[in-house]
Amino acid sequence: YILEACSPGDLVIIHGSVLHKSERNTSPKTRFAYTFHMVESPPYA
C-alpha cells in the first residue's frame, strides 16, 4: 500500500475498484476532507 500524504486543496481521484484504506487518527488534530462520487447514468449503466 502507498500512503498519500496530502495538503489542503489537493484532489485525489479514486477509481471505484481500486483498494484503499485509512488508519485510525491517533493524533490530536482533525483530518477534515470533502468527498463526493460520480457514477455513469442510463443508458450507459
All heavy atoms as atom14 arrays in JSON, in Angstrom:
{
  "sequence": "YILEACSPGDLVIIHGSVLHKSERNTSPKTRFAYTFHMVESPPYA",
  "atom14_mask": [
    [1, 1, 1, 1, 1, 1, 1, 1, 1, 1, 1, 1, 0, 0],
    [1, 1, 1, 1, 1, 1, 1, 1, 0, 0, 0, 0, 0, 0],
    [1, 1, 1, 1, 1, 1, 1, 1, 0, 0, 0, 0, 0, 0],
    [1, 1, 1, 1, 1, 1, 1, 1, 1, 0, 0, 0, 0, 0],
    [1, 1, 1, 1, 1, 0, 0, 0, 0, 0, 0, 0, 0, 0],
    [1, 1, 1, 1, 1, 1, 0, 0, 0, 0, 0, 0, 0, 0],
    [1, 1, 1, 1, 1, 1, 0, 0, 0, 0, 0, 0, 0, 0],
    [1, 1, 1, 1, 1, 1, 1, 0, 0, 0, 0, 0, 0, 0],
    [1, 1, 1, 1, 0, 0, 0, 0, 0, 0, 0, 0, 0, 0],
    [1, 1, 1, 1, 1, 1, 1, 1, 0, 0, 0, 0, 0, 0],
    [1, 1, 1, 1, 1, 1, 1, 1, 0, 0, 0, 0, 0, 0],
    [1, 1, 1, 1, 1, 1, 1, 0, 0, 0, 0, 0, 0, 0],
    [1, 1, 1, 1, 1, 1, 1, 1, 0, 0, 0, 0, 0, 0],
    [1, 1, 1, 1, 1, 1, 1, 1, 0, 0, 0, 0, 0, 0],
    [1, 1, 1, 1, 1, 1, 1, 1, 1, 1, 0, 0, 0, 0],
    [1, 1, 1, 1, 0, 0, 0, 0, 0, 0, 0, 0, 0, 0],
    [1, 1, 1, 1, 1, 1, 0, 0, 0, 0, 0, 0, 0, 0],
    [1, 1, 1, 1, 1, 1, 1, 0, 0, 0, 0, 0, 0, 0],
    [1, 1, 1, 1, 1, 1, 1, 1, 0, 0, 0, 0, 0, 0],
    [1, 1, 1, 1, 1, 1, 1, 1, 1, 1, 0, 0, 0, 0],
    [1, 1, 1, 1, 1, 1, 1, 1, 1, 0, 0, 0, 0, 0],
    [1, 1, 1, 1, 1, 1, 0, 0, 0, 0, 0, 0, 0, 0],
    [1, 1, 1, 1, 1, 1, 1, 1, 1, 0, 0, 0, 0, 0],
    [1, 1, 1, 1, 1, 1, 1, 1, 1, 1, 1, 0, 0, 0],
    [1, 1, 1, 1, 1, 1, 1, 1, 0, 0, 0, 0, 0, 0],
    [1, 1, 1, 1, 1, 1, 1, 0, 0, 0, 0, 0, 0, 0],
    [1, 1, 1, 1, 1, 1, 0, 0, 0, 0, 0, 0, 0, 0],
    [1, 1, 1, 1, 1, 1, 1, 0, 0, 0, 0, 0, 0, 0],
    [1, 1, 1, 1, 1, 1, 1, 1, 1, 0, 0, 0, 0, 0],
    [1, 1, 1, 1, 1, 1, 1, 0, 0, 0, 0, 0, 0, 0],
    [1, 1, 1, 1, 1, 1, 1, 1, 1, 1, 1, 0, 0, 0],
    [1, 1, 1, 1, 1, 1, 1, 1, 1, 1, 1, 0, 0, 0],
    [1, 1, 1, 1, 1, 0, 0, 0, 0, 0, 0, 0, 0, 0],
    [1, 1, 1, 1, 1, 1, 1, 1, 1, 1, 1, 1, 0, 0],
    [1, 1, 1, 1, 1, 1, 1, 0, 0, 0, 0, 0, 0, 0],
    [1, 1, 1, 1, 1, 1, 1, 1, 1, 1, 1, 0, 0, 0],
    [1, 1, 1, 1, 1, 1, 1, 1, 1, 1, 0, 0, 0, 0],
    [1, 1, 1, 1, 1, 1, 1, 1, 0, 0, 0, 0, 0, 0],
    [1, 1, 1, 1, 1, 1, 1, 0, 0, 0, 0, 0, 0, 0],
    [1, 1, 1, 1, 1, 1, 1, 1, 1, 0, 0, 0, 0, 0],
    [1, 1, 1, 1, 1, 1, 0, 0, 0, 0, 0, 0, 0, 0],
    [1, 1, 1, 1, 1, 1, 1, 0, 0, 0, 0, 0, 0, 0],
    [1, 1, 1, 1, 1, 1, 1, 0, 0, 0, 0, 0, 0, 0],
    [1, 1, 1, 1, 1, 1, 1, 1, 1, 1, 1, 1, 0, 0],
    [1, 1, 1, 1, 1, 0, 0, 0, 0, 0, 0, 0, 0, 0]
  ],
  "atom14_positions": [
    [[0.84, -1.19, 0.0], [0.0, 0.0, 0.0], [0.88, 1.25, 0.0], [1.92, 1.31, 0.65], [-0.91, 0.0, 1.22], [-2.27, -0.6, 0.96], [-2.47, -1.98, 1.0], [-3.36, 0.22, 0.65], [-3.72, -2.53, 0.76], [-4.61, -0.31, 0.41], [-4.79, -1.68, 0.46], [-6.03, -2.21, 0.21], [0.0, 0.0, 0.0], [0.0, 0.0, 0.0]],
    [[0.44, 2.26, -0.75], [1.14, 3.54, -0.83], [0.32, 4.59, -0.08], [-0.84, 4.82, -0.4], [1.34, 3.98, -2.29], [2.09, 2.9, -3.08], [2.07, 5.32, -2.35], [3.49, 2.62, -2.59], [0.0, 0.0, 0.0], [0.0, 0.0, 0.0], [0.0, 0.0, 0.0], [0.0, 0.0, 0.0], [0.0, 0.0, 0.0], [0.0, 0.0, 0.0]],
    [[0.92, 5.2, 0.93], [0.25, 6.25, 1.68], [0.4, 7.57, 0.94], [1.5, 7.95, 0.53], [0.82, 6.36, 3.09], [0.09, 7.34, 4.01], [-0.06, 6.76, 5.4], [0.81, 8.68, 4.07], [0.0, 0.0, 0.0], [0.0, 0.0, 0.0], [0.0, 0.0, 0.0], [0.0, 0.0, 0.0], [0.0, 0.0, 0.0], [0.0, 0.0, 0.0]],
    [[-0.73, 8.26, 0.75], [-0.73, 9.53, 0.03], [-0.96, 10.67, 1.02], [-2.09, 11.05, 1.31], [-1.82, 9.54, -1.05], [-1.49, 8.74, -2.29], [-0.39, 9.37, -3.14], [-0.14, 10.58, -2.98], [0.22, 8.64, -3.94], [0.0, 0.0, 0.0], [0.0, 0.0, 0.0], [0.0, 0.0, 0.0], [0.0, 0.0, 0.0], [0.0, 0.0, 0.0]],
    [[0.14, 11.19, 1.56], [0.03, 12.4, 2.37], [-0.41, 13.54, 1.46], [0.08, 13.67, 0.33], [1.36, 12.71, 3.02], [0.0, 0.0, 0.0], [0.0, 0.0, 0.0], [0.0, 0.0, 0.0], [0.0, 0.0, 0.0], [0.0, 0.0, 0.0], [0.0, 0.0, 0.0], [0.0, 0.0, 0.0], [0.0, 0.0, 0.0], [0.0, 0.0, 0.0]],
    [[-1.36, 14.34, 1.92], [-1.96, 15.38, 1.08], [-1.97, 16.71, 1.8], [-1.99, 16.78, 3.03], [-3.39, 15.01, 0.71], [-3.57, 13.52, -0.27], [0.0, 0.0, 0.0], [0.0, 0.0, 0.0], [0.0, 0.0, 0.0], [0.0, 0.0, 0.0], [0.0, 0.0, 0.0], [0.0, 0.0, 0.0], [0.0, 0.0, 0.0], [0.0, 0.0, 0.0]],
    [[-2.02, 17.76, 1.01], [-2.16, 19.12, 1.53], [-3.55, 19.64, 1.23], [-4.22, 19.17, 0.29], [-1.11, 20.04, 0.89], [0.2, 19.62, 1.23], [0.0, 0.0, 0.0], [0.0, 0.0, 0.0], [0.0, 0.0, 0.0], [0.0, 0.0, 0.0], [0.0, 0.0, 0.0], [0.0, 0.0, 0.0], [0.0, 0.0, 0.0], [0.0, 0.0, 0.0]],
    [[-4.03, 20.61, 1.99], [-5.35, 21.17, 1.73], [-5.47, 21.68, 0.29], [-4.57, 22.37, -0.21], [-5.44, 22.33, 2.73], [-4.51, 21.94, 3.83], [-3.39, 21.22, 3.17], [0.0, 0.0, 0.0], [0.0, 0.0, 0.0], [0.0, 0.0, 0.0], [0.0, 0.0, 0.0], [0.0, 0.0, 0.0], [0.0, 0.0, 0.0], [0.0, 0.0, 0.0]],
    [[-6.57, 21.29, -0.37], [-6.8, 21.72, -1.74], [-6.34, 20.76, -2.8], [-6.63, 20.96, -3.99], [0.0, 0.0, 0.0], [0.0, 0.0, 0.0], [0.0, 0.0, 0.0], [0.0, 0.0, 0.0], [0.0, 0.0, 0.0], [0.0, 0.0, 0.0], [0.0, 0.0, 0.0], [0.0, 0.0, 0.0], [0.0, 0.0, 0.0], [0.0, 0.0, 0.0]],
    [[-5.62, 19.71, -2.42], [-5.3, 18.65, -3.38], [-6.6, 17.95, -3.78], [-7.61, 18.01, -3.06], [-4.34, 17.63, -2.79], [-2.94, 18.17, -2.54], [-2.68, 19.33, -2.93], [-2.12, 17.44, -1.95], [0.0, 0.0, 0.0], [0.0, 0.0, 0.0], [0.0, 0.0, 0.0], [0.0, 0.0, 0.0], [0.0, 0.0, 0.0], [0.0, 0.0, 0.0]],
    [[-6.59, 17.28, -4.91], [-7.71, 16.44, -5.33], [-7.18, 15.04, -5.58], [-6.23, 14.86, -6.35], [-8.36, 16.98, -6.6], [-9.4, 16.08, -7.28], [-10.61, 15.84, -6.38], [-9.83, 16.66, -8.63], [0.0, 0.0, 0.0], [0.0, 0.0, 0.0], [0.0, 0.0, 0.0], [0.0, 0.0, 0.0], [0.0, 0.0, 0.0], [0.0, 0.0, 0.0]],
    [[-7.79, 14.05, -4.9], [-7.43, 12.66, -5.15], [-8.62, 12.01, -5.86], [-9.74, 12.01, -5.36], [-7.12, 11.91, -3.85], [-6.67, 10.47, -4.15], [-6.04, 12.64, -3.05], [0.0, 0.0, 0.0], [0.0, 0.0, 0.0], [0.0, 0.0, 0.0], [0.0, 0.0, 0.0], [0.0, 0.0, 0.0], [0.0, 0.0, 0.0], [0.0, 0.0, 0.0]],
    [[-8.36, 11.47, -7.04], [-9.39, 10.81, -7.85], [-9.23, 9.31, -7.66], [-8.12, 8.78, -7.8], [-9.25, 11.18, -9.33], [-9.15, 12.7, -9.49], [-10.42, 10.64, -10.14], [-8.67, 13.14, -10.87], [0.0, 0.0, 0.0], [0.0, 0.0, 0.0], [0.0, 0.0, 0.0], [0.0, 0.0, 0.0], [0.0, 0.0, 0.0], [0.0, 0.0, 0.0]],
    [[-10.34, 8.63, -7.33], [-10.27, 7.24, -6.87], [-11.16, 6.36, -7.74], [-12.39, 6.49, -7.71], [-10.7, 7.14, -5.39], [-9.88, 8.1, -4.52], [-10.57, 5.71, -4.88], [-10.4, 8.26, -3.11], [0.0, 0.0, 0.0], [0.0, 0.0, 0.0], [0.0, 0.0, 0.0], [0.0, 0.0, 0.0], [0.0, 0.0, 0.0], [0.0, 0.0, 0.0]],
    [[-10.58, 5.47, -8.51], [-11.35, 4.52, -9.31], [-12.18, 3.63, -8.39], [-11.73, 3.22, -7.32], [-10.4, 3.66, -10.15], [-11.08, 2.79, -11.16], [-11.69, 1.6, -10.82], [-11.27, 2.93, -12.5], [-12.2, 1.04, -11.91], [-11.96, 1.84, -12.93], [0.0, 0.0, 0.0], [0.0, 0.0, 0.0], [0.0, 0.0, 0.0], [0.0, 0.0, 0.0]],
    [[-13.4, 3.32, -8.81], [-14.32, 2.58, -7.96], [-13.9, 1.18, -7.6], [-14.47, 0.58, -6.67], [0.0, 0.0, 0.0], [0.0, 0.0, 0.0], [0.0, 0.0, 0.0], [0.0, 0.0, 0.0], [0.0, 0.0, 0.0], [0.0, 0.0, 0.0], [0.0, 0.0, 0.0], [0.0, 0.0, 0.0], [0.0, 0.0, 0.0], [0.0, 0.0, 0.0]],
    [[-12.91, 0.62, -8.29], [-12.46, -0.73, -8.0], [-11.11, -0.78, -7.28], [-10.68, -1.86, -6.88], [-12.37, -1.56, -9.29], [-13.65, -1.76, -9.85], [0.0, 0.0, 0.0], [0.0, 0.0, 0.0], [0.0, 0.0, 0.0], [0.0, 0.0, 0.0], [0.0, 0.0, 0.0], [0.0, 0.0, 0.0], [0.0, 0.0, 0.0], [0.0, 0.0, 0.0]],
    [[-10.44, 0.36, -7.15], [-9.12, 0.32, -6.52], [-9.28, 0.15, -5.01], [-10.15, 0.74, -4.38], [-8.31, 1.59, -6.85], [-8.75, 2.8, -6.03], [-6.81, 1.34, -6.66], [0.0, 0.0, 0.0], [0.0, 0.0, 0.0], [0.0, 0.0, 0.0], [0.0, 0.0, 0.0], [0.0, 0.0, 0.0], [0.0, 0.0, 0.0], [0.0, 0.0, 0.0]],
    [[-8.46, -0.7, -4.43], [-8.5, -0.94, -2.98], [-7.78, 0.19, -2.26], [-6.67, 0.59, -2.64], [-7.85, -2.28, -2.66], [-8.6, -3.51, -3.2], [-7.74, -4.76, -3.05], [-9.93, -3.7, -2.5], [0.0, 0.0, 0.0], [0.0, 0.0, 0.0], [0.0, 0.0, 0.0], [0.0, 0.0, 0.0], [0.0, 0.0, 0.0], [0.0, 0.0, 0.0]],
    [[-8.42, 0.69, -1.2], [-7.81, 1.76, -0.4], [-8.32, 1.66, 1.03], [-9.27, 0.92, 1.32], [-8.08, 3.14, -1.01], [-9.53, 3.47, -1.19], [-10.34, 2.87, -2.14], [-10.34, 4.37, -0.56], [-11.56, 3.38, -2.09], [-11.59, 4.28, -1.13], [0.0, 0.0, 0.0], [0.0, 0.0, 0.0], [0.0, 0.0, 0.0], [0.0, 0.0, 0.0]],
    [[-7.68, 2.39, 1.91], [-7.99, 2.31, 3.34], [-7.41, 3.53, 4.03], [-6.66, 4.33, 3.43], [-7.41, 1.03, 3.95], [-5.88, 0.94, 3.86], [-5.35, -0.37, 4.42], [-3.83, -0.43, 4.32], [-3.27, -1.69, 4.91], [0.0, 0.0, 0.0], [0.0, 0.0, 0.0], [0.0, 0.0, 0.0], [0.0, 0.0, 0.0], [0.0, 0.0, 0.0]],
    [[-7.75, 3.7, 5.31], [-7.09, 4.7, 6.13], [-7.02, 4.2, 7.56], [-7.9, 3.45, 8.01], [-7.79, 6.06, 6.06], [-9.07, 6.0, 6.67], [0.0, 0.0, 0.0], [0.0, 0.0, 0.0], [0.0, 0.0, 0.0], [0.0, 0.0, 0.0], [0.0, 0.0, 0.0], [0.0, 0.0, 0.0], [0.0, 0.0, 0.0], [0.0, 0.0, 0.0]],
    [[-5.99, 4.61, 8.27], [-5.79, 4.17, 9.65], [-6.52, 5.09, 10.62], [-7.0, 6.17, 10.27], [-4.29, 4.14, 9.98], [-3.46, 3.26, 9.05], [-3.93, 1.82, 8.98], [-4.36, 1.29, 10.04], [-3.86, 1.22, 7.9], [0.0, 0.0, 0.0], [0.0, 0.0, 0.0], [0.0, 0.0, 0.0], [0.0, 0.0, 0.0], [0.0, 0.0, 0.0]],
    [[-6.63, 4.66, 11.84], [-7.22, 5.47, 12.9], [-6.43, 6.76, 13.09], [-5.2, 6.78, 12.91], [-7.21, 4.65, 14.2], [-7.94, 5.3, 15.39], [-7.85, 4.4, 16.6], [-8.54, 4.97, 17.76], [-9.82, 4.74, 18.04], [-10.53, 3.95, 17.23], [-10.4, 5.28, 19.1], [0.0, 0.0, 0.0], [0.0, 0.0, 0.0], [0.0, 0.0, 0.0]],
    [[-7.13, 7.82, 13.41], [-6.46, 9.08, 13.72], [-5.94, 9.01, 15.16], [-6.72, 9.08, 16.11], [-7.44, 10.24, 13.55], [-6.78, 11.6, 13.8], [-5.61, 11.67, 14.14], [-7.55, 12.66, 13.64], [0.0, 0.0, 0.0], [0.0, 0.0, 0.0], [0.0, 0.0, 0.0], [0.0, 0.0, 0.0], [0.0, 0.0, 0.0], [0.0, 0.0, 0.0]],
    [[-4.65, 8.89, 15.31], [-4.04, 8.81, 16.64], [-3.48, 10.15, 17.09], [-2.87, 10.25, 18.16], [-2.92, 7.76, 16.66], [-1.92, 8.13, 15.68], [-3.46, 6.38, 16.31], [0.0, 0.0, 0.0], [0.0, 0.0, 0.0], [0.0, 0.0, 0.0], [0.0, 0.0, 0.0], [0.0, 0.0, 0.0], [0.0, 0.0, 0.0], [0.0, 0.0, 0.0]],
    [[-3.68, 11.17, 16.27], [-3.09, 12.47, 16.56], [-4.08, 13.37, 17.29], [-5.27, 13.06, 17.39], [-2.69, 13.15, 15.24], [-3.82, 13.74, 14.62], [0.0, 0.0, 0.0], [0.0, 0.0, 0.0], [0.0, 0.0, 0.0], [0.0, 0.0, 0.0], [0.0, 0.0, 0.0], [0.0, 0.0, 0.0], [0.0, 0.0, 0.0], [0.0, 0.0, 0.0]],
    [[-3.63, 14.53, 17.77], [-4.54, 15.49, 18.4], [-5.22, 16.42, 17.4], [-5.89, 17.37, 17.8], [-3.61, 16.28, 19.33], [-2.28, 16.22, 18.66], [-2.21, 14.89, 17.97], [0.0, 0.0, 0.0], [0.0, 0.0, 0.0], [0.0, 0.0, 0.0], [0.0, 0.0, 0.0], [0.0, 0.0, 0.0], [0.0, 0.0, 0.0], [0.0, 0.0, 0.0]],
    [[-5.06, 16.15, 16.1], [-5.58, 17.04, 15.07], [-6.68, 16.34, 14.27], [-6.63, 15.14, 14.03], [-4.46, 17.48, 14.13], [-3.37, 18.29, 14.82], [-2.3, 18.7, 13.84], [-1.22, 19.53, 14.52], [-0.14, 19.94, 13.58], [0.0, 0.0, 0.0], [0.0, 0.0, 0.0], [0.0, 0.0, 0.0], [0.0, 0.0, 0.0], [0.0, 0.0, 0.0]],
    [[-7.67, 17.13, 13.82], [-8.7, 16.6, 12.92], [-8.1, 16.38, 11.52], [-6.99, 16.84, 11.22], [-9.88, 17.58, 12.81], [-9.38, 18.86, 12.44], [-10.65, 17.67, 14.1], [0.0, 0.0, 0.0], [0.0, 0.0, 0.0], [0.0, 0.0, 0.0], [0.0, 0.0, 0.0], [0.0, 0.0, 0.0], [0.0, 0.0, 0.0], [0.0, 0.0, 0.0]],
    [[-8.85, 15.65, 10.68], [-8.46, 15.45, 9.28], [-9.72, 15.63, 8.42], [-10.26, 14.68, 7.9], [-7.85, 14.05, 9.09], [-7.14, 13.85, 7.75], [-7.45, 12.5, 7.14], [-8.86, 12.36, 6.8], [-9.41, 11.24, 6.34], [-8.7, 10.16, 6.21], [-10.71, 11.2, 6.03], [0.0, 0.0, 0.0], [0.0, 0.0, 0.0], [0.0, 0.0, 0.0]],
    [[-10.15, 16.88, 8.3], [-11.35, 17.17, 7.51], [-11.06, 16.98, 6.02], [-10.02, 17.43, 5.52], [-11.81, 18.61, 7.74], [-12.66, 18.81, 8.96], [-12.17, 18.54, 10.23], [-13.95, 19.3, 8.86], [-12.94, 18.74, 11.36], [-14.74, 19.51, 9.99], [-14.23, 19.22, 11.24], [0.0, 0.0, 0.0], [0.0, 0.0, 0.0], [0.0, 0.0, 0.0]],
    [[-11.99, 16.32, 5.34], [-11.89, 16.17, 3.89], [-13.29, 16.2, 3.31], [-14.24, 15.71, 3.93], [-11.2, 14.85, 3.53], [0.0, 0.0, 0.0], [0.0, 0.0, 0.0], [0.0, 0.0, 0.0], [0.0, 0.0, 0.0], [0.0, 0.0, 0.0], [0.0, 0.0, 0.0], [0.0, 0.0, 0.0], [0.0, 0.0, 0.0], [0.0, 0.0, 0.0]],
    [[-13.42, 16.77, 2.12], [-14.68, 16.75, 1.4], [-14.58, 15.74, 0.27], [-13.6, 15.74, -0.48], [-15.01, 18.13, 0.82], [-16.24, 18.11, -0.08], [-17.47, 17.67, 0.41], [-16.17, 18.51, -1.41], [-18.59, 17.64, -0.4], [-17.29, 18.48, -2.23], [-18.5, 18.05, -1.72], [-19.62, 18.0, -2.53], [0.0, 0.0, 0.0], [0.0, 0.0, 0.0]],
    [[-15.58, 14.88, 0.16], [-15.56, 13.87, -0.9], [-16.95, 13.71, -1.49], [-17.96, 13.89, -0.81], [-15.03, 12.52, -0.36], [-14.95, 11.58, -1.44], [-15.93, 11.96, 0.72], [0.0, 0.0, 0.0], [0.0, 0.0, 0.0], [0.0, 0.0, 0.0], [0.0, 0.0, 0.0], [0.0, 0.0, 0.0], [0.0, 0.0, 0.0], [0.0, 0.0, 0.0]],
    [[-16.97, 13.42, -2.78], [-18.21, 13.08, -3.46], [-17.9, 12.04, -4.53], [-16.72, 11.73, -4.79], [-18.89, 14.32, -4.06], [-18.1, 14.96, -5.18], [-18.36, 14.66, -6.51], [-17.11, 15.89, -4.9], [-17.63, 15.24, -7.54], [-16.38, 16.49, -5.92], [-16.64, 16.17, -7.23], [0.0, 0.0, 0.0], [0.0, 0.0, 0.0], [0.0, 0.0, 0.0]],
    [[-18.93, 11.48, -5.12], [-18.74, 10.41, -6.08], [-19.51, 10.69, -7.36], [-20.48, 11.46, -7.37], [-19.2, 9.07, -5.48], [-18.4, 8.68, -4.28], [-18.63, 9.21, -3.02], [-17.37, 7.82, -4.15], [-17.76, 8.69, -2.18], [-16.99, 7.85, -2.83], [0.0, 0.0, 0.0], [0.0, 0.0, 0.0], [0.0, 0.0, 0.0], [0.0, 0.0, 0.0]],
    [[-19.07, 10.05, -8.42], [-19.79, 10.07, -9.69], [-20.01, 8.64, -10.14], [-19.15, 7.77, -9.91], [-19.0, 10.82, -10.77], [-18.78, 12.28, -10.5], [-17.93, 13.07, -11.89], [-17.41, 14.6, -11.1], [0.0, 0.0, 0.0], [0.0, 0.0, 0.0], [0.0, 0.0, 0.0], [0.0, 0.0, 0.0], [0.0, 0.0, 0.0], [0.0, 0.0, 0.0]],
    [[-21.15, 8.41, -10.77], [-21.42, 7.14, -11.44], [-21.98, 7.45, -12.83], [-22.49, 8.55, -13.08], [-22.42, 6.25, -10.67], [-21.84, 5.81, -9.33], [-23.76, 6.93, -10.49], [0.0, 0.0, 0.0], [0.0, 0.0, 0.0], [0.0, 0.0, 0.0], [0.0, 0.0, 0.0], [0.0, 0.0, 0.0], [0.0, 0.0, 0.0], [0.0, 0.0, 0.0]],
    [[-21.88, 6.47, -13.7], [-22.44, 6.6, -15.05], [-23.95, 6.57, -14.98], [-24.54, 5.93, -14.1], [-21.92, 5.44, -15.93], [-22.3, 5.53, -17.38], [-21.65, 6.7, -18.11], [-22.2, 7.82, -18.01], [-20.63, 6.49, -18.79], [0.0, 0.0, 0.0], [0.0, 0.0, 0.0], [0.0, 0.0, 0.0], [0.0, 0.0, 0.0], [0.0, 0.0, 0.0]],
    [[-24.6, 7.28, -15.87], [-26.05, 7.35, -15.91], [-26.59, 6.49, -17.06], [-25.86, 6.14, -17.98], [-26.52, 8.79, -16.05], [-26.06, 9.36, -17.27], [0.0, 0.0, 0.0], [0.0, 0.0, 0.0], [0.0, 0.0, 0.0], [0.0, 0.0, 0.0], [0.0, 0.0, 0.0], [0.0, 0.0, 0.0], [0.0, 0.0, 0.0], [0.0, 0.0, 0.0]],
    [[-27.9, 6.15, -17.02], [-28.51, 5.39, -18.12], [-28.42, 6.22, -19.42], [-28.46, 7.44, -19.38], [-29.96, 5.22, -17.67], [-29.92, 5.38, -16.19], [-28.84, 6.39, -15.93], [0.0, 0.0, 0.0], [0.0, 0.0, 0.0], [0.0, 0.0, 0.0], [0.0, 0.0, 0.0], [0.0, 0.0, 0.0], [0.0, 0.0, 0.0], [0.0, 0.0, 0.0]],
    [[-28.29, 5.55, -20.57], [-28.39, 4.09, -20.76], [-27.05, 3.37, -20.64], [-26.95, 2.19, -20.94], [-28.9, 4.0, -22.2], [-28.23, 5.16, -22.88], [-28.21, 6.27, -21.86], [0.0, 0.0, 0.0], [0.0, 0.0, 0.0], [0.0, 0.0, 0.0], [0.0, 0.0, 0.0], [0.0, 0.0, 0.0], [0.0, 0.0, 0.0], [0.0, 0.0, 0.0]],
    [[-26.03, 4.08, -20.17], [-24.68, 3.51, -20.17], [-24.43, 2.59, -18.98], [-23.55, 1.73, -19.04], [-23.64, 4.64, -20.19], [-23.88, 5.62, -21.3], [-24.43, 6.88, -21.04], [-23.57, 5.3, -22.63], [-24.64, 7.79, -22.07], [-23.8, 6.21, -23.65], [-24.33, 7.45, -23.37], [-24.57, 8.34, -24.38], [0.0, 0.0, 0.0], [0.0, 0.0, 0.0]],
    [[-25.17, 2.78, -17.91], [-25.06, 1.91, -16.73], [-26.38, 1.98, -15.96], [-27.1, 2.98, -16.04], [-23.9, 2.34, -15.84], [0.0, 0.0, 0.0], [0.0, 0.0, 0.0], [0.0, 0.0, 0.0], [0.0, 0.0, 0.0], [0.0, 0.0, 0.0], [0.0, 0.0, 0.0], [0.0, 0.0, 0.0], [0.0, 0.0, 0.0], [0.0, 0.0, 0.0]]
  ]
}
